[in-house]
């Protein structure tokens, strides 16, 4: 179904923020959404993708890097460009 953790996480979080009605979530909410979706990925992998592998505004220590999310507060994230891509 999904090719990798990045693809699954983005799909699950897109559905989550649609249901929530607000484009912001914590790491705990992201992990819970992935568990509910039946993800095969471990919480460490999911956290790594959310926190730095796919986060636009953090230092770039690892490759590949994607700009799927933005950190908007202490432990708070949003899907970057969500409104443009999902309305």
PDB file of N, CA and C in Angstrom:
ATOM      1  N   UNK A   1       0.830  -1.198   0.000  1.00  0.00           N
ATOM      2  CA  UNK A   1       0.000   0.000   0.000  1.00  0.00           C
ATOM      3  C   UNK A   1       0.864   1.246   0.000  1.00  0.00           C
ATOM      4  N   UNK A   2       1.653   1.444   1.044  1.00  0.00           N
ATOM      5  CA  UNK A   2       2.579   2.576   1.088  1.00  0.00           C
ATOM      6  C   UNK A   2       3.986   2.056   0.830  1.00  0.00           C
ATOM      7  N   UNK A   3       4.799   2.868   0.179  1.00  0.00           N
ATOM      8  CA  UNK A   3       6.158   2.446  -0.140  1.00  0.00           C
ATOM      9  C   UNK A   3       7.099   2.549   1.045  1.00  0.00           C
ATOM     10  N   UNK A   4       6.830   3.491   1.953  1.00  0.00           N
ATOM     11  CA  UNK A   4       7.765   3.713   3.060  1.00  0.00           C
ATOM     12  C   UNK A   4       7.077   4.453   4.205  1.00  0.00           C
ATOM     13  N   UNK A   5       7.818   4.648   5.275  1.00  0.00           N
ATOM     14  CA  UNK A   5       7.293   5.309   6.470  1.00  0.00           C
ATOM     15  C   UNK A   5       6.866   6.740   6.161  1.00  0.00           C
ATOM     16  N   UNK A   6       7.654   7.441   5.386  1.00  0.00           N
ATOM     17  CA  UNK A   6       7.337   8.836   5.039  1.00  0.00           C
ATOM     18  C   UNK A   6       5.972   8.923   4.365  1.00  0.00           C
ATOM     19  N   UNK A   7       5.744   8.082   3.370  1.00  0.00           N
ATOM     20  CA  UNK A   7       4.502   8.107   2.617  1.00  0.00           C
ATOM     21  C   UNK A   7       3.303   7.766   3.512  1.00  0.00           C
ATOM     22  N   UNK A   8       3.464   6.751   4.346  1.00  0.00           N
ATOM     23  CA  UNK A   8       2.379   6.352   5.243  1.00  0.00           C
ATOM     24  C   UNK A   8       2.084   7.435   6.273  1.00  0.00           C
ATOM     25  N   UNK A   9       3.118   8.000   6.861  1.00  0.00           N
ATOM     26  CA  UNK A   9       2.937   9.036   7.875  1.00  0.00           C
ATOM     27  C   UNK A   9       2.207  10.244   7.310  1.00  0.00           C
ATOM     28  N   UNK A  10       2.587  10.682   6.120  1.00  0.00           N
ATOM     29  CA  UNK A  10       1.933  11.830   5.515  1.00  0.00           C
ATOM     30  C   UNK A  10       0.465  11.544   5.225  1.00  0.00           C
ATOM     31  N   UNK A  11       0.161  10.355   4.734  1.00  0.00           N
ATOM     32  CA  UNK A  11      -1.234   9.991   4.456  1.00  0.00           C
ATOM     33  C   UNK A  11      -2.059   9.922   5.738  1.00  0.00           C
ATOM     34  N   UNK A  12      -1.507   9.287   6.759  1.00  0.00           N
ATOM     35  CA  UNK A  12      -2.226   9.146   8.032  1.00  0.00           C
ATOM     36  C   UNK A  12      -2.442  10.511   8.686  1.00  0.00           C
ATOM     37  N   UNK A  13      -1.421  11.352   8.687  1.00  0.00           N
ATOM     38  CA  UNK A  13      -1.563  12.666   9.319  1.00  0.00           C
ATOM     39  C   UNK A  13      -2.474  13.595   8.523  1.00  0.00           C
ATOM     40  N   UNK A  14      -2.501  13.450   7.214  1.00  0.00           N
ATOM     41  CA  UNK A  14      -3.425  14.242   6.401  1.00  0.00           C
ATOM     42  C   UNK A  14      -4.867  13.899   6.783  1.00  0.00           C
ATOM     43  N   UNK A  15      -5.159  12.620   6.920  1.00  0.00           N
ATOM     44  CA  UNK A  15      -6.497  12.202   7.356  1.00  0.00           C
ATOM     45  C   UNK A  15      -6.784  12.681   8.775  1.00  0.00           C
ATOM     46  N   UNK A  16      -5.776  12.597   9.639  1.00  0.00           N
ATOM     47  CA  UNK A  16      -5.955  13.002  11.035  1.00  0.00           C
ATOM     48  C   UNK A  16      -6.314  14.487  11.139  1.00  0.00           C
ATOM     49  N   UNK A  17      -5.583  15.354  10.438  1.00  0.00           N
ATOM     50  CA  UNK A  17      -5.883  16.786  10.553  1.00  0.00           C
ATOM     51  C   UNK A  17      -7.208  17.139   9.878  1.00  0.00           C
ATOM     52  N   UNK A  18      -7.586  16.391   8.852  1.00  0.00           N
ATOM     53  CA  UNK A  18      -8.917  16.596   8.248  1.00  0.00           C
ATOM     54  C   UNK A  18      -9.998  16.312   9.281  1.00  0.00           C
ATOM     55  N   UNK A  19      -9.861  15.170   9.983  1.00  0.00           N
ATOM     56  CA  UNK A  19     -10.840  14.797  11.009  1.00  0.00           C
ATOM     57  C   UNK A  19     -10.826  15.779  12.170  1.00  0.00           C
ATOM     58  N   UNK A  20      -9.647  16.205  12.557  1.00  0.00           N
ATOM     59  CA  UNK A  20      -9.492  17.118  13.683  1.00  0.00           C
ATOM     60  C   UNK A  20     -10.005  18.515  13.341  1.00  0.00           C
ATOM     61  N   UNK A  21      -9.880  18.893  12.076  1.00  0.00           N
ATOM     62  CA  UNK A  21     -10.317  20.215  11.648  1.00  0.00           C
ATOM     63  C   UNK A  21      -9.301  21.301  11.921  1.00  0.00           C
ATOM     64  N   UNK A  22      -8.081  20.908  12.219  1.00  0.00           N
ATOM     65  CA  UNK A  22      -7.017  21.865  12.523  1.00  0.00           C
ATOM     66  C   UNK A  22      -5.687  21.243  12.119  1.00  0.00           C
ATOM     67  N   UNK A  23      -4.881  22.000  11.394  1.00  0.00           N
ATOM     68  CA  UNK A  23      -3.608  21.494  10.910  1.00  0.00           C
ATOM     69  C   UNK A  23      -2.507  21.708  11.946  1.00  0.00           C
ATOM     70  N   UNK A  24      -2.629  21.001  13.043  1.00  0.00           N
ATOM     71  CA  UNK A  24      -1.546  20.955  14.030  1.00  0.00           C
ATOM     72  C   UNK A  24      -1.724  19.692  14.879  1.00  0.00           C
ATOM     73  N   UNK A  25      -0.586  19.159  15.324  1.00  0.00           N
ATOM     74  CA  UNK A  25      -0.601  17.911  16.077  1.00  0.00           C
ATOM     75  C   UNK A  25       0.716  17.765  16.824  1.00  0.00           C
ATOM     76  N   UNK A  26       0.689  16.982  17.872  1.00  0.00           N
ATOM     77  CA  UNK A  26       1.887  16.689  18.640  1.00  0.00           C
ATOM     78  C   UNK A  26       2.489  15.371  18.145  1.00  0.00           C
ATOM     79  N   UNK A  27       3.675  15.091  18.592  1.00  0.00           N
ATOM     80  CA  UNK A  27       4.311  13.819  18.259  1.00  0.00           C
ATOM     81  C   UNK A  27       3.462  12.662  18.806  1.00  0.00           C
ATOM     82  N   UNK A  28       2.944  12.819  20.022  1.00  0.00           N
ATOM     83  CA  UNK A  28       2.107  11.779  20.616  1.00  0.00           C
ATOM     84  C   UNK A  28       0.855  11.529  19.767  1.00  0.00           C
ATOM     85  N   UNK A  29       0.251  12.576  19.262  1.00  0.00           N
ATOM     86  CA  UNK A  29      -0.919  12.418  18.396  1.00  0.00           C
ATOM     87  C   UNK A  29      -0.543  11.701  17.098  1.00  0.00           C
ATOM     88  N   UNK A  30       0.604  12.032  16.544  1.00  0.00           N
ATOM     89  CA  UNK A  30       1.071  11.374  15.318  1.00  0.00           C
ATOM     90  C   UNK A  30       1.308   9.890  15.556  1.00  0.00           C
ATOM     91  N   UNK A  31       1.954   9.564  16.673  1.00  0.00           N
ATOM     92  CA  UNK A  31       2.208   8.160  16.997  1.00  0.00           C
ATOM     93  C   UNK A  31       0.903   7.402  17.209  1.00  0.00           C
ATOM     94  N   UNK A  32      -0.039   8.008  17.902  1.00  0.00           N
ATOM     95  CA  UNK A  32      -1.330   7.371  18.146  1.00  0.00           C
ATOM     96  C   UNK A  32      -2.095   7.162  16.837  1.00  0.00           C
ATOM     97  N   UNK A  33      -2.047   8.136  15.947  1.00  0.00           N
ATOM     98  CA  UNK A  33      -2.726   8.004  14.656  1.00  0.00           C
ATOM     99  C   UNK A  33      -2.116   6.870  13.841  1.00  0.00           C
ATOM    100  N   UNK A  34      -0.804   6.736  13.876  1.00  0.00           N
ATOM    101  CA  UNK A  34      -0.144   5.643  13.152  1.00  0.00           C
ATOM    102  C   UNK A  34      -0.520   4.292  13.756  1.00  0.00           C
ATOM    103  N   UNK A  35      -0.587   4.205  15.076  1.00  0.00           N
ATOM    104  CA  UNK A  35      -0.989   2.948  15.725  1.00  0.00           C
ATOM    105  C   UNK A  35      -2.417   2.567  15.316  1.00  0.00           C
ATOM    106  N   UNK A  36      -3.323   3.563  15.363  1.00  0.00           N
ATOM    107  CA  UNK A  36      -4.720   3.305  14.989  1.00  0.00           C
ATOM    108  C   UNK A  36      -4.833   2.841  13.533  1.00  0.00           C
ATOM    109  N   UNK A  37      -3.947   3.349  12.689  1.00  0.00           N
ATOM    110  CA  UNK A  37      -3.959   2.978  11.275  1.00  0.00           C
ATOM    111  C   UNK A  37      -3.337   1.602  11.029  1.00  0.00           C
ATOM    112  N   UNK A  38      -2.773   1.007  12.077  1.00  0.00           N
ATOM    113  CA  UNK A  38      -2.172  -0.311  11.940  1.00  0.00           C
ATOM    114  C   UNK A  38      -0.791  -0.298  11.321  1.00  0.00           C
ATOM    115  N   UNK A  39      -0.076   0.788  11.495  1.00  0.00           N
ATOM    116  CA  UNK A  39       1.254   0.922  10.899  1.00  0.00           C
ATOM    117  C   UNK A  39       2.212  -0.162  11.396  1.00  0.00           C
ATOM    118  N   UNK A  40       3.068  -0.608  10.512  1.00  0.00           N
ATOM    119  CA  UNK A  40       4.095  -1.587  10.866  1.00  0.00           C
ATOM    120  C   UNK A  40       5.358  -0.911  11.392  1.00  0.00           C
ATOM    121  N   UNK A  41       5.423   0.417  11.291  1.00  0.00           N
ATOM    122  CA  UNK A  41       6.633   1.138  11.674  1.00  0.00           C
ATOM    123  C   UNK A  41       6.704   1.371  13.177  1.00  0.00           C
ATOM    124  N   UNK A  42       7.894   1.241  13.716  1.00  0.00           N
ATOM    125  CA  UNK A  42       8.119   1.459  15.141  1.00  0.00           C
ATOM    126  C   UNK A  42       8.022   2.938  15.458  1.00  0.00           C
ATOM    127  N   UNK A  43       7.700   3.224  16.711  1.00  0.00           N
ATOM    128  CA  UNK A  43       7.518   4.623  17.118  1.00  0.00           C
ATOM    129  C   UNK A  43       8.787   5.444  16.908  1.00  0.00           C
ATOM    130  N   UNK A  44       9.959   4.840  17.059  1.00  0.00           N
ATOM    131  CA  UNK A  44      11.207   5.565  16.825  1.00  0.00           C
ATOM    132  C   UNK A  44      11.365   6.012  15.387  1.00  0.00           C
ATOM    133  N   UNK A  45      10.964   5.173  14.456  1.00  0.00           N
ATOM    134  CA  UNK A  45      11.027   5.534  13.034  1.00  0.00           C
ATOM    135  C   UNK A  45      10.042   6.645  12.711  1.00  0.00           C
ATOM    136  N   UNK A  46       8.849   6.534  13.251  1.00  0.00           N
ATOM    137  CA  UNK A  46       7.832   7.561  13.016  1.00  0.00           C
ATOM    138  C   UNK A  46       8.293   8.892  13.600  1.00  0.00           C
ATOM    139  N   UNK A  47       8.802   8.872  14.821  1.00  0.00           N
ATOM    140  CA  UNK A  47       9.291  10.099  15.467  1.00  0.00           C
ATOM    141  C   UNK A  47      10.429  10.723  14.676  1.00  0.00           C
ATOM    142  N   UNK A  48      11.345   9.899  14.191  1.00  0.00           N
ATOM    143  CA  UNK A  48      12.478  10.412  13.413  1.00  0.00           C
ATOM    144  C   UNK A  48      12.000  11.092  12.137  1.00  0.00           C
ATOM    145  N   UNK A  49      11.046  10.495  11.458  1.00  0.00           N
ATOM    146  CA  UNK A  49      10.533  11.113  10.238  1.00  0.00           C
ATOM    147  C   UNK A  49       9.841  12.432  10.539  1.00  0.00           C
ATOM    148  N   UNK A  50       9.040  12.460  11.565  1.00  0.00           N
ATOM    149  CA  UNK A  50       8.322  13.683  11.913  1.00  0.00           C
ATOM    150  C   UNK A  50       9.268  14.765  12.404  1.00  0.00           C
ATOM    151  N   UNK A  51      10.187  14.419  13.283  1.00  0.00           N
ATOM    152  CA  UNK A  51      11.005  15.407  13.981  1.00  0.00           C
ATOM    153  C   UNK A  51      12.148  15.989  13.168  1.00  0.00           C
ATOM    154  N   UNK A  52      12.743  15.187  12.269  1.00  0.00           N
ATOM    155  CA  UNK A  52      13.856  15.765  11.519  1.00  0.00           C
ATOM    156  C   UNK A  52      13.998  15.277  10.086  1.00  0.00           C
ATOM    157  N   UNK A  53      13.679  14.078   9.770  1.00  0.00           N
ATOM    158  CA  UNK A  53      13.870  13.624   8.378  1.00  0.00           C
ATOM    159  C   UNK A  53      12.942  14.358   7.419  1.00  0.00           C
ATOM    160  N   UNK A  54      11.751  14.713   7.872  1.00  0.00           N
ATOM    161  CA  UNK A  54      10.755  15.324   6.990  1.00  0.00           C
ATOM    162  C   UNK A  54      10.270  16.676   7.499  1.00  0.00           C
ATOM    163  N   UNK A  55      11.032  17.296   8.365  1.00  0.00           N
ATOM    164  CA  UNK A  55      10.628  18.570   8.960  1.00  0.00           C
ATOM    165  C   UNK A  55      11.411  19.705   8.313  1.00  0.00           C
ATOM    166  N   UNK A  56      10.692  20.667   7.759  1.00  0.00           N
ATOM    167  CA  UNK A  56      11.298  21.728   6.949  1.00  0.00           C
ATOM    168  C   UNK A  56      12.198  22.679   7.732  1.00  0.00           C
ATOM    169  N   UNK A  57      11.889  22.933   8.968  1.00  0.00           N
ATOM    170  CA  UNK A  57      12.595  24.002   9.671  1.00  0.00           C
ATOM    171  C   UNK A  57      13.429  23.497  10.853  1.00  0.00           C
ATOM    172  N   UNK A  58      14.143  22.416  10.639  1.00  0.00           N
ATOM    173  CA  UNK A  58      15.109  21.921  11.619  1.00  0.00           C
ATOM    174  C   UNK A  58      16.465  21.774  10.941  1.00  0.00           C
ATOM    175  N   UNK A  59      17.554  21.730  11.729  1.00  0.00           N
ATOM    176  CA  UNK A  59      18.875  21.566  11.119  1.00  0.00           C
ATOM    177  C   UNK A  59      18.945  20.293  10.280  1.00  0.00           C
ATOM    178  N   UNK A  60      19.642  20.362   9.195  1.00  0.00           N
ATOM    179  CA  UNK A  60      19.729  19.247   8.250  1.00  0.00           C
ATOM    180  C   UNK A  60      20.960  18.387   8.523  1.00  0.00           C
ATOM    181  N   UNK A  61      20.762  17.346   9.335  1.00  0.00           N
ATOM    182  CA  UNK A  61      21.853  16.439   9.675  1.00  0.00           C
ATOM    183  C   UNK A  61      21.810  15.141   8.876  1.00  0.00           C
ATOM    184  N   UNK A  62      20.642  14.770   8.381  1.00  0.00           N
ATOM    185  CA  UNK A  62      20.471  13.479   7.730  1.00  0.00           C
ATOM    186  C   UNK A  62      19.957  13.650   6.309  1.00  0.00           C
ATOM    187  N   UNK A  63      20.291  12.757   5.445  1.00  0.00           N
ATOM    188  CA  UNK A  63      19.792  12.728   4.068  1.00  0.00           C
ATOM    189  C   UNK A  63      19.058  11.412   3.881  1.00  0.00           C
ATOM    190  N   UNK A  64      18.036  11.297   3.065  1.00  0.00           N
ATOM    191  CA  UNK A  64      17.387  12.412   2.385  1.00  0.00           C
ATOM    192  C   UNK A  64      16.504  13.204   3.335  1.00  0.00           C
ATOM    193  N   UNK A  65      16.285  14.431   2.994  1.00  0.00           N
ATOM    194  CA  UNK A  65      15.423  15.295   3.793  1.00  0.00           C
ATOM    195  C   UNK A  65      14.247  15.742   2.935  1.00  0.00           C
ATOM    196  N   UNK A  66      13.103  15.834   3.569  1.00  0.00           N
ATOM    197  CA  UNK A  66      11.885  16.263   2.886  1.00  0.00           C
ATOM    198  C   UNK A  66      11.258  17.387   3.690  1.00  0.00           C
ATOM    199  N   UNK A  67      10.437  18.168   3.045  1.00  0.00           N
ATOM    200  CA  UNK A  67       9.794  19.309   3.698  1.00  0.00           C
ATOM    201  C   UNK A  67       8.292  19.078   3.874  1.00  0.00           C
ATOM    202  N   UNK A  68       7.932  17.955   4.481  1.00  0.00           N
ATOM    203  CA  UNK A  68       6.526  17.611   4.648  1.00  0.00           C
ATOM    204  C   UNK A  68       5.869  18.322   5.821  1.00  0.00           C
ATOM    205  N   UNK A  69       6.636  18.615   6.871  1.00  0.00           N
ATOM    206  CA  UNK A  69       6.094  19.175   8.113  1.00  0.00           C
ATOM    207  C   UNK A  69       6.881  20.409   8.538  1.00  0.00           C
ATOM    208  N   UNK A  70       6.259  21.200   9.392  1.00  0.00           N
ATOM    209  CA  UNK A  70       6.924  22.339  10.021  1.00  0.00           C
ATOM    210  C   UNK A  70       6.713  22.245  11.520  1.00  0.00           C
ATOM    211  N   UNK A  71       7.747  22.535  12.260  1.00  0.00           N
ATOM    212  CA  UNK A  71       7.619  22.630  13.708  1.00  0.00           C
ATOM    213  C   UNK A  71       7.098  24.023  14.017  1.00  0.00           C
ATOM    214  N   UNK A  72       5.985  24.096  14.753  1.00  0.00           N
ATOM    215  CA  UNK A  72       5.360  25.400  15.020  1.00  0.00           C
ATOM    216  C   UNK A  72       5.358  25.751  16.496  1.00  0.00           C
ATOM    217  N   UNK A  73       5.920  24.896  17.322  1.00  0.00           N
ATOM    218  CA  UNK A  73       5.990  25.148  18.751  1.00  0.00           C
ATOM    219  C   UNK A  73       6.705  23.997  19.419  1.00  0.00           C
ATOM    220  N   UNK A  74       6.793  24.066  20.726  1.00  0.00           N
ATOM    221  CA  UNK A  74       7.471  23.015  21.478  1.00  0.00           C
ATOM    222  C   UNK A  74       6.674  21.714  21.364  1.00  0.00           C
ATOM    223  N   UNK A  75       7.168  20.793  20.556  1.00  0.00           N
ATOM    224  CA  UNK A  75       6.490  19.522  20.357  1.00  0.00           C
ATOM    225  C   UNK A  75       5.242  19.601  19.505  1.00  0.00           C
ATOM    226  N   UNK A  76       5.064  20.686  18.771  1.00  0.00           N
ATOM    227  CA  UNK A  76       3.869  20.900  17.963  1.00  0.00           C
ATOM    228  C   UNK A  76       4.274  21.052  16.497  1.00  0.00           C
ATOM    229  N   UNK A  77       3.549  20.351  15.622  1.00  0.00           N
ATOM    230  CA  UNK A  77       3.872  20.328  14.197  1.00  0.00           C
ATOM    231  C   UNK A  77       2.630  20.592  13.371  1.00  0.00           C
ATOM    232  N   UNK A  78       2.852  20.874  12.082  1.00  0.00           N
ATOM    233  CA  UNK A  78       1.758  20.948  11.113  1.00  0.00           C
ATOM    234  C   UNK A  78       2.266  20.423   9.775  1.00  0.00           C
ATOM    235  N   UNK A  79       1.325  20.043   8.926  1.00  0.00           N
ATOM    236  CA  UNK A  79       1.679  19.618   7.581  1.00  0.00           C
ATOM    237  C   UNK A  79       1.938  20.874   6.761  1.00  0.00           C
ATOM    238  N   UNK A  80       3.108  20.959   6.198  1.00  0.00           N
ATOM    239  CA  UNK A  80       3.475  22.123   5.398  1.00  0.00           C
ATOM    240  C   UNK A  80       2.645  22.130   4.120  1.00  0.00           C
ATOM    241  N   UNK A  81       2.158  23.286   3.753  1.00  0.00           N
ATOM    242  CA  UNK A  81       1.372  23.475   2.528  1.00  0.00           C
ATOM    243  C   UNK A  81       0.079  22.661   2.518  1.00  0.00           C
ATOM    244  N   UNK A  82      -0.430  22.326   3.682  1.00  0.00           N
ATOM    245  CA  UNK A  82      -1.663  21.529   3.765  1.00  0.00           C
ATOM    246  C   UNK A  82      -2.832  22.196   3.051  1.00  0.00           C
ATOM    247  N   UNK A  83      -3.064  23.459   3.293  1.00  0.00           N
ATOM    248  CA  UNK A  83      -4.216  24.144   2.706  1.00  0.00           C
ATOM    249  C   UNK A  83      -4.138  24.149   1.191  1.00  0.00           C
ATOM    250  N   UNK A  84      -2.978  24.413   0.643  1.00  0.00           N
ATOM    251  CA  UNK A  84      -2.824  24.466  -0.797  1.00  0.00           C
ATOM    252  C   UNK A  84      -3.041  23.093  -1.434  1.00  0.00           C
ATOM    253  N   UNK A  85      -2.691  22.042  -0.757  1.00  0.00           N
ATOM    254  CA  UNK A  85      -2.762  20.710  -1.347  1.00  0.00           C
ATOM    255  C   UNK A  85      -4.038  19.953  -1.028  1.00  0.00           C
ATOM    256  N   UNK A  86      -4.810  20.404  -0.067  1.00  0.00           N
ATOM    257  CA  UNK A  86      -5.900  19.558   0.418  1.00  0.00           C
ATOM    258  C   UNK A  86      -7.261  20.237   0.519  1.00  0.00           C
ATOM    259  N   UNK A  87      -7.432  21.392  -0.063  1.00  0.00           N
ATOM    260  CA  UNK A  87      -8.764  22.019  -0.022  1.00  0.00           C
ATOM    261  C   UNK A  87      -9.549  21.685  -1.263  1.00  0.00           C
TER     262      UNK A  87
END
